[in-house]
Amino acid sequence: MISEIGGLVEQSANHTSVNGRIDGIKQSIEQGQIKKASEDFEAYFVSYMLKVMRETVPKGSLTQNRMGETFQSFYDEAIGKESAKVGALGLAQYIEAKLREDEVILSQEGKVAKYM
């Protein structure tokens, strides 16, 4: 019973964290910070991909407890941020180029780009 409650609390915390990050990306786009929003999205994508990948392998001695899992999630997030900053996947550059292209097309039509 207690482990089920702990799992629910963790899922709720992860959901809140994800919603907060997505809200931050939306706010960046609204403020015209397309480059930052694109990098934030790539960082989120990479860190989430690492999290899901780690779920497919057996837990090691480091991640057998809560502290290890917390460390691993922070580590995945840091890797995501650094990979986005250097453009490791190129996802941020692609998204930024596409959003800027959409802005140009809409401005030529006399419309304002609204992404969210």
PDB file of N, CA and C in Angstrom:
ATOM      1  N   MET A   1       0.828  -1.193   0.000  1.00  0.00           N
ATOM      2  CA  MET A   1       0.000   0.000   0.000  1.00  0.00           C
ATOM      3  C   MET A   1       0.874   1.259   0.000  1.00  0.00           C
ATOM      4  N   ILE A   2       1.872   1.275   0.873  1.00  0.00           N
ATOM      5  CA  ILE A   2       2.737   2.459   0.951  1.00  0.00           C
ATOM      6  C   ILE A   2       3.522   2.630  -0.340  1.00  0.00           C
ATOM      7  N   SER A   3       4.007   1.527  -0.920  1.00  0.00           N
ATOM      8  CA  SER A   3       4.745   1.642  -2.175  1.00  0.00           C
ATOM      9  C   SER A   3       3.844   2.156  -3.296  1.00  0.00           C
ATOM     10  N   GLU A   4       2.555   1.793  -3.287  1.00  0.00           N
ATOM     11  CA  GLU A   4       1.625   2.295  -4.293  1.00  0.00           C
ATOM     12  C   GLU A   4       1.431   3.797  -4.146  1.00  0.00           C
ATOM     13  N   ILE A   5       1.336   4.265  -2.906  1.00  0.00           N
ATOM     14  CA  ILE A   5       1.179   5.701  -2.664  1.00  0.00           C
ATOM     15  C   ILE A   5       2.426   6.437  -3.116  1.00  0.00           C
ATOM     16  N   GLY A   6       3.595   5.869  -2.810  1.00  0.00           N
ATOM     17  CA  GLY A   6       4.846   6.489  -3.242  1.00  0.00           C
ATOM     18  C   GLY A   6       4.911   6.595  -4.754  1.00  0.00           C
ATOM     19  N   GLY A   7       4.453   5.552  -5.449  1.00  0.00           N
ATOM     20  CA  GLY A   7       4.432   5.575  -6.903  1.00  0.00           C
ATOM     21  C   GLY A   7       3.505   6.635  -7.445  1.00  0.00           C
ATOM     22  N   LEU A   8       2.349   6.785  -6.801  1.00  0.00           N
ATOM     23  CA  LEU A   8       1.398   7.818  -7.231  1.00  0.00           C
ATOM     24  C   LEU A   8       1.968   9.208  -7.012  1.00  0.00           C
ATOM     25  N   VAL A   9       2.639   9.409  -5.882  1.00  0.00           N
ATOM     26  CA  VAL A   9       3.245  10.707  -5.598  1.00  0.00           C
ATOM     27  C   VAL A   9       4.324  11.004  -6.636  1.00  0.00           C
ATOM     28  N   GLU A  10       5.144   9.994  -6.974  1.00  0.00           N
ATOM     29  CA  GLU A  10       6.194  10.187  -7.962  1.00  0.00           C
ATOM     30  C   GLU A  10       5.610  10.499  -9.329  1.00  0.00           C
ATOM     31  N   GLN A  11       4.551   9.785  -9.736  1.00  0.00           N
ATOM     32  CA  GLN A  11       3.910  10.063 -11.015  1.00  0.00           C
ATOM     33  C   GLN A  11       3.347  11.470 -11.047  1.00  0.00           C
ATOM     34  N   SER A  12       2.744  11.889  -9.952  1.00  0.00           N
ATOM     35  CA  SER A  12       2.187  13.236  -9.871  1.00  0.00           C
ATOM     36  C   SER A  12       3.285  14.283  -9.974  1.00  0.00           C
ATOM     37  N   ALA A  13       4.415  14.049  -9.292  1.00  0.00           N
ATOM     38  CA  ALA A  13       5.534  14.991  -9.338  1.00  0.00           C
ATOM     39  C   ALA A  13       6.111  15.052 -10.743  1.00  0.00           C
ATOM     40  N   ASN A  14       6.248  13.899 -11.410  1.00  0.00           N
ATOM     41  CA  ASN A  14       6.761  13.882 -12.774  1.00  0.00           C
ATOM     42  C   ASN A  14       5.805  14.606 -13.711  1.00  0.00           C
ATOM     43  N   HIS A  15       4.498  14.412 -13.543  1.00  0.00           N
ATOM     44  CA  HIS A  15       3.503  15.074 -14.377  1.00  0.00           C
ATOM     45  C   HIS A  15       3.584  16.588 -14.190  1.00  0.00           C
ATOM     46  N   THR A  16       3.726  17.038 -12.953  1.00  0.00           N
ATOM     47  CA  THR A  16       3.842  18.463 -12.663  1.00  0.00           C
ATOM     48  C   THR A  16       5.103  19.027 -13.296  1.00  0.00           C
ATOM     49  N   SER A  17       6.201  18.291 -13.205  1.00  0.00           N
ATOM     50  CA  SER A  17       7.458  18.736 -13.801  1.00  0.00           C
ATOM     51  C   SER A  17       7.335  18.863 -15.310  1.00  0.00           C
ATOM     52  N   VAL A  18       6.730  17.887 -15.946  1.00  0.00           N
ATOM     53  CA  VAL A  18       6.549  17.906 -17.396  1.00  0.00           C
ATOM     54  C   VAL A  18       5.674  19.083 -17.790  1.00  0.00           C
ATOM     55  N   ASN A  19       4.561  19.294 -17.095  1.00  0.00           N
ATOM     56  CA  ASN A  19       3.677  20.412 -17.411  1.00  0.00           C
ATOM     57  C   ASN A  19       4.392  21.744 -17.244  1.00  0.00           C
ATOM     58  N   GLY A  20       5.220  21.853 -16.212  1.00  0.00           N
ATOM     59  CA  GLY A  20       5.979  23.087 -15.996  1.00  0.00           C
ATOM     60  C   GLY A  20       6.949  23.353 -17.134  1.00  0.00           C
ATOM     61  N   ARG A  21       7.619  22.309 -17.595  1.00  0.00           N
ATOM     62  CA  ARG A  21       8.574  22.469 -18.696  1.00  0.00           C
ATOM     63  C   ARG A  21       7.855  22.829 -19.986  1.00  0.00           C
ATOM     64  N   ILE A  22       6.717  22.209 -20.239  1.00  0.00           N
ATOM     65  CA  ILE A  22       5.957  22.512 -21.450  1.00  0.00           C
ATOM     66  C   ILE A  22       5.427  23.942 -21.400  1.00  0.00           C
ATOM     67  N   ASP A  23       4.954  24.369 -20.234  1.00  0.00           N
ATOM     68  CA  ASP A  23       4.490  25.754 -20.087  1.00  0.00           C
ATOM     69  C   ASP A  23       5.624  26.740 -20.350  1.00  0.00           C
ATOM     70  N   GLY A  24       6.826  26.398 -19.897  1.00  0.00           N
ATOM     71  CA  GLY A  24       7.993  27.256 -20.145  1.00  0.00           C
ATOM     72  C   GLY A  24       8.295  27.365 -21.630  1.00  0.00           C
ATOM     73  N   ILE A  25       8.170  26.266 -22.352  1.00  0.00           N
ATOM     74  CA  ILE A  25       8.405  26.276 -23.801  1.00  0.00           C
ATOM     75  C   ILE A  25       7.350  27.139 -24.494  1.00  0.00           C
ATOM     76  N   LYS A  26       6.087  26.992 -24.098  1.00  0.00           N
ATOM     77  CA  LYS A  26       5.009  27.812 -24.681  1.00  0.00           C
ATOM     78  C   LYS A  26       5.273  29.290 -24.439  1.00  0.00           C
ATOM     79  N   GLN A  27       5.701  29.625 -23.221  1.00  0.00           N
ATOM     80  CA  GLN A  27       5.956  31.023 -22.881  1.00  0.00           C
ATOM     81  C   GLN A  27       7.111  31.581 -23.714  1.00  0.00           C
ATOM     82  N   SER A  28       8.156  30.777 -23.929  1.00  0.00           N
ATOM     83  CA  SER A  28       9.280  31.218 -24.754  1.00  0.00           C
ATOM     84  C   SER A  28       8.836  31.526 -26.171  1.00  0.00           C
ATOM     85  N   ILE A  29       7.983  30.670 -26.727  1.00  0.00           N
ATOM     86  CA  ILE A  29       7.492  30.886 -28.092  1.00  0.00           C
ATOM     87  C   ILE A  29       6.658  32.155 -28.147  1.00  0.00           C
ATOM     88  N   GLU A  30       5.801  32.351 -27.152  1.00  0.00           N
ATOM     89  CA  GLU A  30       4.946  33.529 -27.135  1.00  0.00           C
ATOM     90  C   GLU A  30       5.767  34.808 -27.058  1.00  0.00           C
ATOM     91  N   GLN A  31       6.924  34.752 -26.403  1.00  0.00           N
ATOM     92  CA  GLN A  31       7.775  35.929 -26.267  1.00  0.00           C
ATOM     93  C   GLN A  31       8.727  36.093 -27.449  1.00  0.00           C
ATOM     94  N   GLY A  32       8.581  35.248 -28.454  1.00  0.00           N
ATOM     95  CA  GLY A  32       9.419  35.372 -29.629  1.00  0.00           C
ATOM     96  C   GLY A  32      10.799  34.764 -29.468  1.00  0.00           C
ATOM     97  N   GLN A  33      10.990  33.951 -28.467  1.00  0.00           N
ATOM     98  CA  GLN A  33      12.286  33.328 -28.228  1.00  0.00           C
ATOM     99  C   GLN A  33      12.281  31.923 -28.827  1.00  0.00           C
ATOM    100  N   ILE A  34      12.209  31.884 -30.131  1.00  0.00           N
ATOM    101  CA  ILE A  34      12.071  30.600 -30.814  1.00  0.00           C
ATOM    102  C   ILE A  34      13.288  29.718 -30.610  1.00  0.00           C
ATOM    103  N   LYS A  35      14.471  30.290 -30.628  1.00  0.00           N
ATOM    104  CA  LYS A  35      15.693  29.491 -30.444  1.00  0.00           C
ATOM    105  C   LYS A  35      15.688  28.823 -29.077  1.00  0.00           C
ATOM    106  N   LYS A  36      15.361  29.568 -28.040  1.00  0.00           N
ATOM    107  CA  LYS A  36      15.336  29.010 -26.689  1.00  0.00           C
ATOM    108  C   LYS A  36      14.261  27.932 -26.569  1.00  0.00           C
ATOM    109  N   ALA A  37      13.091  28.201 -27.116  1.00  0.00           N
ATOM    110  CA  ALA A  37      12.005  27.218 -27.055  1.00  0.00           C
ATOM    111  C   ALA A  37      12.392  25.937 -27.794  1.00  0.00           C
ATOM    112  N   SER A  38      13.066  26.073 -28.916  1.00  0.00           N
ATOM    113  CA  SER A  38      13.499  24.906 -29.680  1.00  0.00           C
ATOM    114  C   SER A  38      14.522  24.095 -28.907  1.00  0.00           C
ATOM    115  N   GLU A  39      15.481  24.782 -28.272  1.00  0.00           N
ATOM    116  CA  GLU A  39      16.484  24.088 -27.465  1.00  0.00           C
ATOM    117  C   GLU A  39      15.852  23.436 -26.246  1.00  0.00           C
ATOM    118  N   ASP A  40      14.900  24.110 -25.623  1.00  0.00           N
ATOM    119  CA  ASP A  40      14.205  23.533 -24.473  1.00  0.00           C
ATOM    120  C   ASP A  40      13.453  22.263 -24.870  1.00  0.00           C
ATOM    121  N   PHE A  41      12.835  22.293 -26.043  1.00  0.00           N
ATOM    122  CA  PHE A  41      12.116  21.113 -26.499  1.00  0.00           C
ATOM    123  C   PHE A  41      13.085  19.957 -26.752  1.00  0.00           C
ATOM    124  N   GLU A  42      14.216  20.247 -27.413  1.00  0.00           N
ATOM    125  CA  GLU A  42      15.193  19.188 -27.665  1.00  0.00           C
ATOM    126  C   GLU A  42      15.743  18.633 -26.351  1.00  0.00           C
ATOM    127  N   ALA A  43      16.007  19.509 -25.380  1.00  0.00           N
ATOM    128  CA  ALA A  43      16.498  19.056 -24.080  1.00  0.00           C
ATOM    129  C   ALA A  43      15.479  18.149 -23.407  1.00  0.00           C
ATOM    130  N   TYR A  44      14.212  18.538 -23.447  1.00  0.00           N
ATOM    131  CA  TYR A  44      13.157  17.706 -22.867  1.00  0.00           C
ATOM    132  C   TYR A  44      13.066  16.369 -23.591  1.00  0.00           C
ATOM    133  N   PHE A  45      13.125  16.395 -24.910  1.00  0.00           N
ATOM    134  CA  PHE A  45      13.028  15.182 -25.717  1.00  0.00           C
ATOM    135  C   PHE A  45      14.156  14.211 -25.372  1.00  0.00           C
ATOM    136  N   VAL A  46      15.382  14.714 -25.315  1.00  0.00           N
ATOM    137  CA  VAL A  46      16.538  13.854 -25.020  1.00  0.00           C
ATOM    138  C   VAL A  46      16.441  13.280 -23.617  1.00  0.00           C
ATOM    139  N   SER A  47      16.112  14.119 -22.630  1.00  0.00           N
ATOM    140  CA  SER A  47      16.044  13.626 -21.250  1.00  0.00           C
ATOM    141  C   SER A  47      14.917  12.601 -21.098  1.00  0.00           C
ATOM    142  N   TYR A  48      13.793  12.817 -21.770  1.00  0.00           N
ATOM    143  CA  TYR A  48      12.705  11.849 -21.691  1.00  0.00           C
ATOM    144  C   TYR A  48      13.084  10.548 -22.391  1.00  0.00           C
ATOM    145  N   MET A  49      13.756  10.667 -23.518  1.00  0.00           N
ATOM    146  CA  MET A  49      14.197   9.479 -24.245  1.00  0.00           C
ATOM    147  C   MET A  49      15.152   8.649 -23.372  1.00  0.00           C
ATOM    148  N   LEU A  50      16.082   9.315 -22.681  1.00  0.00           N
ATOM    149  CA  LEU A  50      16.995   8.599 -21.790  1.00  0.00           C
ATOM    150  C   LEU A  50      16.239   7.918 -20.654  1.00  0.00           C
ATOM    151  N   LYS A  51      15.259   8.609 -20.105  1.00  0.00           N
ATOM    152  CA  LYS A  51      14.463   8.038 -19.013  1.00  0.00           C
ATOM    153  C   LYS A  51      13.761   6.761 -19.467  1.00  0.00           C
ATOM    154  N   VAL A  52      13.140   6.824 -20.627  1.00  0.00           N
ATOM    155  CA  VAL A  52      12.419   5.668 -21.148  1.00  0.00           C
ATOM    156  C   VAL A  52      13.396   4.535 -21.487  1.00  0.00           C
ATOM    157  N   MET A  53      14.540   4.877 -22.026  1.00  0.00           N
ATOM    158  CA  MET A  53      15.538   3.861 -22.345  1.00  0.00           C
ATOM    159  C   MET A  53      16.027   3.158 -21.080  1.00  0.00           C
ATOM    160  N   ARG A  54      16.227   3.917 -20.010  1.00  0.00           N
ATOM    161  CA  ARG A  54      16.712   3.323 -18.755  1.00  0.00           C
ATOM    162  C   ARG A  54      15.686   2.363 -18.144  1.00  0.00           C
ATOM    163  N   GLU A  55      14.419   2.583 -18.425  1.00  0.00           N
ATOM    164  CA  GLU A  55      13.381   1.699 -17.904  1.00  0.00           C
ATOM    165  C   GLU A  55      13.442   0.308 -18.534  1.00  0.00           C
ATOM    166  N   THR A  56      14.150   0.163 -19.651  1.00  0.00           N
ATOM    167  CA  THR A  56      14.211  -1.119 -20.343  1.00  0.00           C
ATOM    168  C   THR A  56      15.351  -2.013 -19.859  1.00  0.00           C
ATOM    169  N   VAL A  57      16.248  -1.471 -19.041  1.00  0.00           N
ATOM    170  CA  VAL A  57      17.377  -2.262 -18.554  1.00  0.00           C
ATOM    171  C   VAL A  57      17.218  -2.519 -17.061  1.00  0.00           C
ATOM    172  N   PRO A  58      17.807  -3.605 -16.559  1.00  0.00           N
ATOM    173  CA  PRO A  58      17.699  -3.883 -15.121  1.00  0.00           C
ATOM    174  C   PRO A  58      18.351  -2.776 -14.289  1.00  0.00           C
ATOM    175  N   LYS A  59      17.809  -2.559 -13.113  1.00  0.00           N
ATOM    176  CA  LYS A  59      18.354  -1.538 -12.227  1.00  0.00           C
ATOM    177  C   LYS A  59      19.688  -2.006 -11.664  1.00  0.00           C
ATOM    178  N   GLY A  60      20.649  -1.106 -11.639  1.00  0.00           N
ATOM    179  CA  GLY A  60      21.959  -1.399 -11.069  1.00  0.00           C
ATOM    180  C   GLY A  60      21.990  -1.014  -9.607  1.00  0.00           C
ATOM    181  N   SER A  61      23.136  -1.146  -8.995  1.00  0.00           N
ATOM    182  CA  SER A  61      23.257  -0.843  -7.563  1.00  0.00           C
ATOM    183  C   SER A  61      23.035   0.637  -7.277  1.00  0.00           C
ATOM    184  N   LEU A  62      23.320   1.507  -8.255  1.00  0.00           N
ATOM    185  CA  LEU A  62      23.139   2.942  -8.046  1.00  0.00           C
ATOM    186  C   LEU A  62      21.664   3.332  -8.016  1.00  0.00           C
ATOM    187  N   THR A  63      20.855   2.682  -8.825  1.00  0.00           N
ATOM    188  CA  THR A  63      19.457   3.110  -8.951  1.00  0.00           C
ATOM    189  C   THR A  63      18.479   2.208  -8.206  1.00  0.00           C
ATOM    190  N   GLN A  64      18.954   1.440  -7.248  1.00  0.00           N
ATOM    191  CA  GLN A  64      18.051   0.570  -6.507  1.00  0.00           C
ATOM    192  C   GLN A  64      17.268   1.320  -5.434  1.00  0.00           C
ATOM    193  N   ASN A  65      17.603   2.565  -5.173  1.00  0.00           N
ATOM    194  CA  ASN A  65      16.875   3.315  -4.161  1.00  0.00           C
ATOM    195  C   ASN A  65      16.416   4.659  -4.728  1.00  0.00           C
ATOM    196  N   ARG A  66      15.650   5.385  -3.933  1.00  0.00           N
ATOM    197  CA  ARG A  66      15.094   6.677  -4.355  1.00  0.00           C
ATOM    198  C   ARG A  66      16.173   7.695  -4.708  1.00  0.00           C
ATOM    199  N   MET A  67      17.222   7.740  -3.896  1.00  0.00           N
ATOM    200  CA  MET A  67      18.289   8.727  -4.128  1.00  0.00           C
ATOM    201  C   MET A  67      18.968   8.465  -5.469  1.00  0.00           C
ATOM    202  N   GLY A  68      19.201   7.205  -5.789  1.00  0.00           N
ATOM    203  CA  GLY A  68      19.817   6.867  -7.068  1.00  0.00           C
ATOM    204  C   GLY A  68      18.928   7.225  -8.237  1.00  0.00           C
ATOM    205  N   GLU A  69      17.638   6.981  -8.093  1.00  0.00           N
ATOM    206  CA  GLU A  69      16.694   7.329  -9.155  1.00  0.00           C
ATOM    207  C   GLU A  69      16.631   8.838  -9.350  1.00  0.00           C
ATOM    208  N   THR A  70      16.661   9.576  -8.252  1.00  0.00           N
ATOM    209  CA  THR A  70      16.648  11.041  -8.335  1.00  0.00           C
ATOM    210  C   THR A  70      17.908  11.543  -9.028  1.00  0.00           C
ATOM    211  N   PHE A  71      19.050  11.001  -8.623  1.00  0.00           N
ATOM    212  CA  PHE A  71      20.311  11.374  -9.261  1.00  0.00           C
ATOM    213  C   PHE A  71      20.249  11.098 -10.752  1.00  0.00           C
ATOM    214  N   GLN A  72      19.746   9.932 -11.130  1.00  0.00           N
ATOM    215  CA  GLN A  72      19.673   9.543 -12.531  1.00  0.00           C
ATOM    216  C   GLN A  72      18.782  10.498 -13.315  1.00  0.00           C
ATOM    217  N   SER A  73      17.662  10.928 -12.731  1.00  0.00           N
ATOM    218  CA  SER A  73      16.771  11.840 -13.446  1.00  0.00           C
ATOM    219  C   SER A  73      17.435  13.210 -13.646  1.00  0.00           C
ATOM    220  N   PHE A  74      18.174  13.694 -12.630  1.00  0.00           N
ATOM    221  CA  PHE A  74      18.897  14.959 -12.788  1.00  0.00           C
ATOM    222  C   PHE A  74      20.003  14.825 -13.838  1.00  0.00           C
ATOM    223  N   TYR A  75      20.660  13.674 -13.838  1.00  0.00           N
ATOM    224  CA  TYR A  75      21.728  13.419 -14.801  1.00  0.00           C
ATOM    225  C   TYR A  75      21.166  13.403 -16.227  1.00  0.00           C
ATOM    226  N   ASP A  76      20.041  12.738 -16.422  1.00  0.00           N
ATOM    227  CA  ASP A  76      19.406  12.695 -17.742  1.00  0.00           C
ATOM    228  C   ASP A  76      19.006  14.098 -18.196  1.00  0.00           C
ATOM    229  N   GLU A  77      18.496  14.888 -17.271  1.00  0.00           N
ATOM    230  CA  GLU A  77      18.105  16.260 -17.604  1.00  0.00           C
ATOM    231  C   GLU A  77      19.317  17.091 -18.015  1.00  0.00           C
ATOM    232  N   ALA A  78      20.426  16.931 -17.286  1.00  0.00           N
ATOM    233  CA  ALA A  78      21.653  17.669 -17.619  1.00  0.00           C
ATOM    234  C   ALA A  78      22.181  17.249 -18.987  1.00  0.00           C
ATOM    235  N   ILE A  79      22.143  15.964 -19.285  1.00  0.00           N
ATOM    236  CA  ILE A  79      22.583  15.489 -20.601  1.00  0.00           C
ATOM    237  C   ILE A  79      21.691  16.081 -21.689  1.00  0.00           C
ATOM    238  N   GLY A  80      20.393  16.116 -21.444  1.00  0.00           N
ATOM    239  CA  GLY A  80      19.467  16.697 -22.411  1.00  0.00           C
ATOM    240  C   GLY A  80      19.769  18.161 -22.681  1.00  0.00           C
ATOM    241  N   LYS A  81      20.014  18.929 -21.629  1.00  0.00           N
ATOM    242  CA  LYS A  81      20.320  20.356 -21.795  1.00  0.00           C
ATOM    243  C   LYS A  81      21.617  20.572 -22.563  1.00  0.00           C
ATOM    244  N   GLU A  82      22.645  19.813 -22.222  1.00  0.00           N
ATOM    245  CA  GLU A  82      23.933  19.971 -22.898  1.00  0.00           C
ATOM    246  C   GLU A  82      23.855  19.541 -24.357  1.00  0.00           C
ATOM    247  N   SER A  83      23.161  18.459 -24.627  1.00  0.00           N
ATOM    248  CA  SER A  83      23.056  17.997 -26.017  1.00  0.00           C
ATOM    249  C   SER A  83      22.274  19.007 -26.862  1.00  0.00           C
ATOM    250  N   ALA A  84      21.259  19.619 -26.273  1.00  0.00           N
ATOM    251  CA  ALA A  84      20.494  20.640 -26.998  1.00  0.00           C
ATOM    252  C   ALA A  84      21.339  21.885 -27.235  1.00  0.00           C
ATOM    253  N   LYS A  85      22.152  22.226 -26.247  1.00  0.00           N
ATOM    254  CA  LYS A  85      22.983  23.427 -26.354  1.00  0.00           C
ATOM    255  C   LYS A  85      23.993  23.301 -27.499  1.00  0.00           C
ATOM    256  N   VAL A  86      24.561  22.113 -27.684  1.00  0.00           N
ATOM    257  CA  VAL A  86      25.559  21.924 -28.747  1.00  0.00           C
ATOM    258  C   VAL A  86      24.929  21.435 -30.048  1.00  0.00           C
ATOM    259  N   GLY A  87      23.646  21.166 -30.034  1.00  0.00           N
ATOM    260  CA  GLY A  87      22.956  20.736 -31.243  1.00  0.00           C
ATOM    261  C   GLY A  87      23.271  19.308 -31.640  1.00  0.00           C
ATOM    262  N   ALA A  88      23.392  18.441 -30.662  1.00  0.00           N
ATOM    263  CA  ALA A  88      23.789  17.053 -30.913  1.00  0.00           C
ATOM    264  C   ALA A  88      22.843  16.324 -31.859  1.00  0.00           C
ATOM    265  N   LEU A  89      21.557  16.471 -31.677  1.00  0.00           N
ATOM    266  CA  LEU A  89      20.601  15.792 -32.551  1.00  0.00           C
ATOM    267  C   LEU A  89      20.182  16.638 -33.754  1.00  0.00           C
ATOM    268  N   GLY A  90      20.298  17.943 -33.609  1.00  0.00           N
ATOM    269  CA  GLY A  90      19.864  18.833 -34.678  1.00  0.00           C
ATOM    270  C   GLY A  90      18.368  19.102 -34.653  1.00  0.00           C
ATOM    271  N   LEU A  91      17.690  18.571 -33.649  1.00  0.00           N
ATOM    272  CA  LEU A  91      16.247  18.748 -33.554  1.00  0.00           C
ATOM    273  C   LEU A  91      15.882  20.215 -33.304  1.00  0.00           C
ATOM    274  N   ALA A  92      16.621  20.870 -32.429  1.00  0.00           N
ATOM    275  CA  ALA A  92      16.332  22.281 -32.117  1.00  0.00           C
ATOM    276  C   ALA A  92      16.498  23.161 -33.353  1.00  0.00           C
ATOM    277  N   GLN A  93      17.552  22.911 -34.123  1.00  0.00           N
ATOM    278  CA  GLN A  93      17.782  23.714 -35.330  1.00  0.00           C
ATOM    279  C   GLN A  93      16.660  23.496 -36.346  1.00  0.00           C
ATOM    280  N   TYR A  94      16.214  22.248 -36.464  1.00  0.00           N
ATOM    281  CA  TYR A  94      15.131  21.943 -37.398  1.00  0.00           C
ATOM    282  C   TYR A  94      13.843  22.649 -36.975  1.00  0.00           C
ATOM    283  N   ILE A  95      13.509  22.542 -35.694  1.00  0.00           N
ATOM    284  CA  ILE A  95      12.279  23.171 -35.187  1.00  0.00           C
ATOM    285  C   ILE A  95      12.348  24.679 -35.352  1.00  0.00           C
ATOM    286  N   GLU A  96      13.496  25.269 -35.003  1.00  0.00           N
ATOM    287  CA  GLU A  96      13.648  26.723 -35.128  1.00  0.00           C
ATOM    288  C   GLU A  96      13.482  27.160 -36.582  1.00  0.00           C
ATOM    289  N   ALA A  97      14.112  26.444 -37.500  1.00  0.00           N
ATOM    290  CA  ALA A  97      14.012  26.800 -38.920  1.00  0.00           C
ATOM    291  C   ALA A  97      12.565  26.704 -39.399  1.00  0.00           C
ATOM    292  N   LYS A  98      11.878  25.665 -38.995  1.00  0.00           N
ATOM    293  CA  LYS A  98      10.485  25.480 -39.417  1.00  0.00           C
ATOM    294  C   LYS A  98       9.579  26.583 -38.853  1.00  0.00           C
ATOM    295  N   LEU A  99       9.778  26.917 -37.569  1.00  0.00           N
ATOM    296  CA  LEU A  99       8.957  27.978 -36.972  1.00  0.00           C
ATOM    297  C   LEU A  99       9.233  29.328 -37.616  1.00  0.00           C
ATOM    298  N   ARG A 100      10.495  29.601 -37.911  1.00  0.00           N
ATOM    299  CA  ARG A 100      10.835  30.874 -38.572  1.00  0.00           C
ATOM    300  C   ARG A 100      10.264  30.911 -39.993  1.00  0.00           C
ATOM    301  N   GLU A 101      10.296  29.780 -40.679  1.00  0.00           N
ATOM    302  CA  GLU A 101       9.707  29.692 -42.014  1.00  0.00           C
ATOM    303  C   GLU A 101       8.210  29.978 -41.949  1.00  0.00           C
ATOM    304  N   ASP A 102       7.549  29.408 -40.954  1.00  0.00           N
ATOM    305  CA  ASP A 102       6.117  29.659 -40.777  1.00  0.00           C
ATOM    306  C   ASP A 102       5.849  31.130 -40.493  1.00  0.00           C
ATOM    307  N   GLU A 103       6.711  31.747 -39.686  1.00  0.00           N
ATOM    308  CA  GLU A 103       6.547  33.179 -39.385  1.00  0.00           C
ATOM    309  C   GLU A 103       6.635  34.015 -40.652  1.00  0.00           C
ATOM    310  N   VAL A 104       7.608  33.697 -41.515  1.00  0.00           N
ATOM    311  CA  VAL A 104       7.788  34.452 -42.760  1.00  0.00           C
ATOM    312  C   VAL A 104       6.563  34.295 -43.651  1.00  0.00           C
ATOM    313  N   ILE A 105       6.092  33.078 -43.797  1.00  0.00           N
ATOM    314  CA  ILE A 105       4.915  32.825 -44.637  1.00  0.00           C
ATOM    315  C   ILE A 105       3.707  33.586 -44.100  1.00  0.00           C
ATOM    316  N   LEU A 106       3.499  33.521 -42.810  1.00  0.00           N
ATOM    317  CA  LEU A 106       2.344  34.213 -42.221  1.00  0.00           C
ATOM    318  C   LEU A 106       2.490  35.727 -42.317  1.00  0.00           C
ATOM    319  N   SER A 107       3.709  36.239 -42.144  1.00  0.00           N
ATOM    320  CA  SER A 107       3.885  37.695 -42.235  1.00  0.00           C
ATOM    321  C   SER A 107       3.648  38.185 -43.662  1.00  0.00           C
ATOM    322  N   GLN A 108       3.989  37.357 -44.648  1.00  0.00           N
ATOM    323  CA  GLN A 108       3.722  37.725 -46.041  1.00  0.00           C
ATOM    324  C   GLN A 108       2.225  37.750 -46.331  1.00  0.00           C
ATOM    325  N   GLU A 109       1.496  36.931 -45.605  1.00  0.00           N
ATOM    326  CA  GLU A 109       0.035  36.898 -45.769  1.00  0.00           C
ATOM    327  C   GLU A 109      -0.657  37.924 -44.873  1.00  0.00           C
ATOM    328  N   GLY A 110       0.131  38.658 -44.089  1.00  0.00           N
ATOM    329  CA  GLY A 110      -0.433  39.664 -43.206  1.00  0.00           C
ATOM    330  C   GLY A 110      -1.038  39.094 -41.941  1.00  0.00           C
ATOM    331  N   LYS A 111      -0.626  37.880 -41.571  1.00  0.00           N
ATOM    332  CA  LYS A 111      -1.135  37.236 -40.374  1.00  0.00           C
ATOM    333  C   LYS A 111      -0.041  37.177 -39.318  1.00  0.00           C
ATOM    334  N   VAL A 112      -0.453  36.949 -38.104  1.00  0.00           N
ATOM    335  CA  VAL A 112       0.492  36.827 -36.991  1.00  0.00           C
ATOM    336  C   VAL A 112       0.624  35.365 -36.624  1.00  0.00           C
ATOM    337  N   ALA A 113       1.865  34.917 -36.402  1.00  0.00           N
ATOM    338  CA  ALA A 113       2.103  33.530 -36.041  1.00  0.00           C
ATOM    339  C   ALA A 113       1.670  33.295 -34.607  1.00  0.00           C
ATOM    340  N   LYS A 114       0.817  32.316 -34.407  1.00  0.00           N
ATOM    341  CA  LYS A 114       0.383  31.923 -33.067  1.00  0.00           C
ATOM    342  C   LYS A 114       0.561  30.419 -32.993  1.00  0.00           C
ATOM    343  N   TYR A 115       1.505  29.985 -32.167  1.00  0.00           N
ATOM    344  CA  TYR A 115       1.878  28.579 -32.133  1.00  0.00           C
ATOM    345  C   TYR A 115       1.086  27.765 -31.139  1.00  0.00           C
ATOM    346  N   MET A 116       0.665  28.340 -30.077  1.00  0.00           N
ATOM    347  CA  MET A 116      -0.014  27.565 -29.040  1.00  0.00           C
ATOM    348  C   MET A 116      -1.404  28.108 -28.814  1.00  0.00           C
TER     349      MET A 116
END
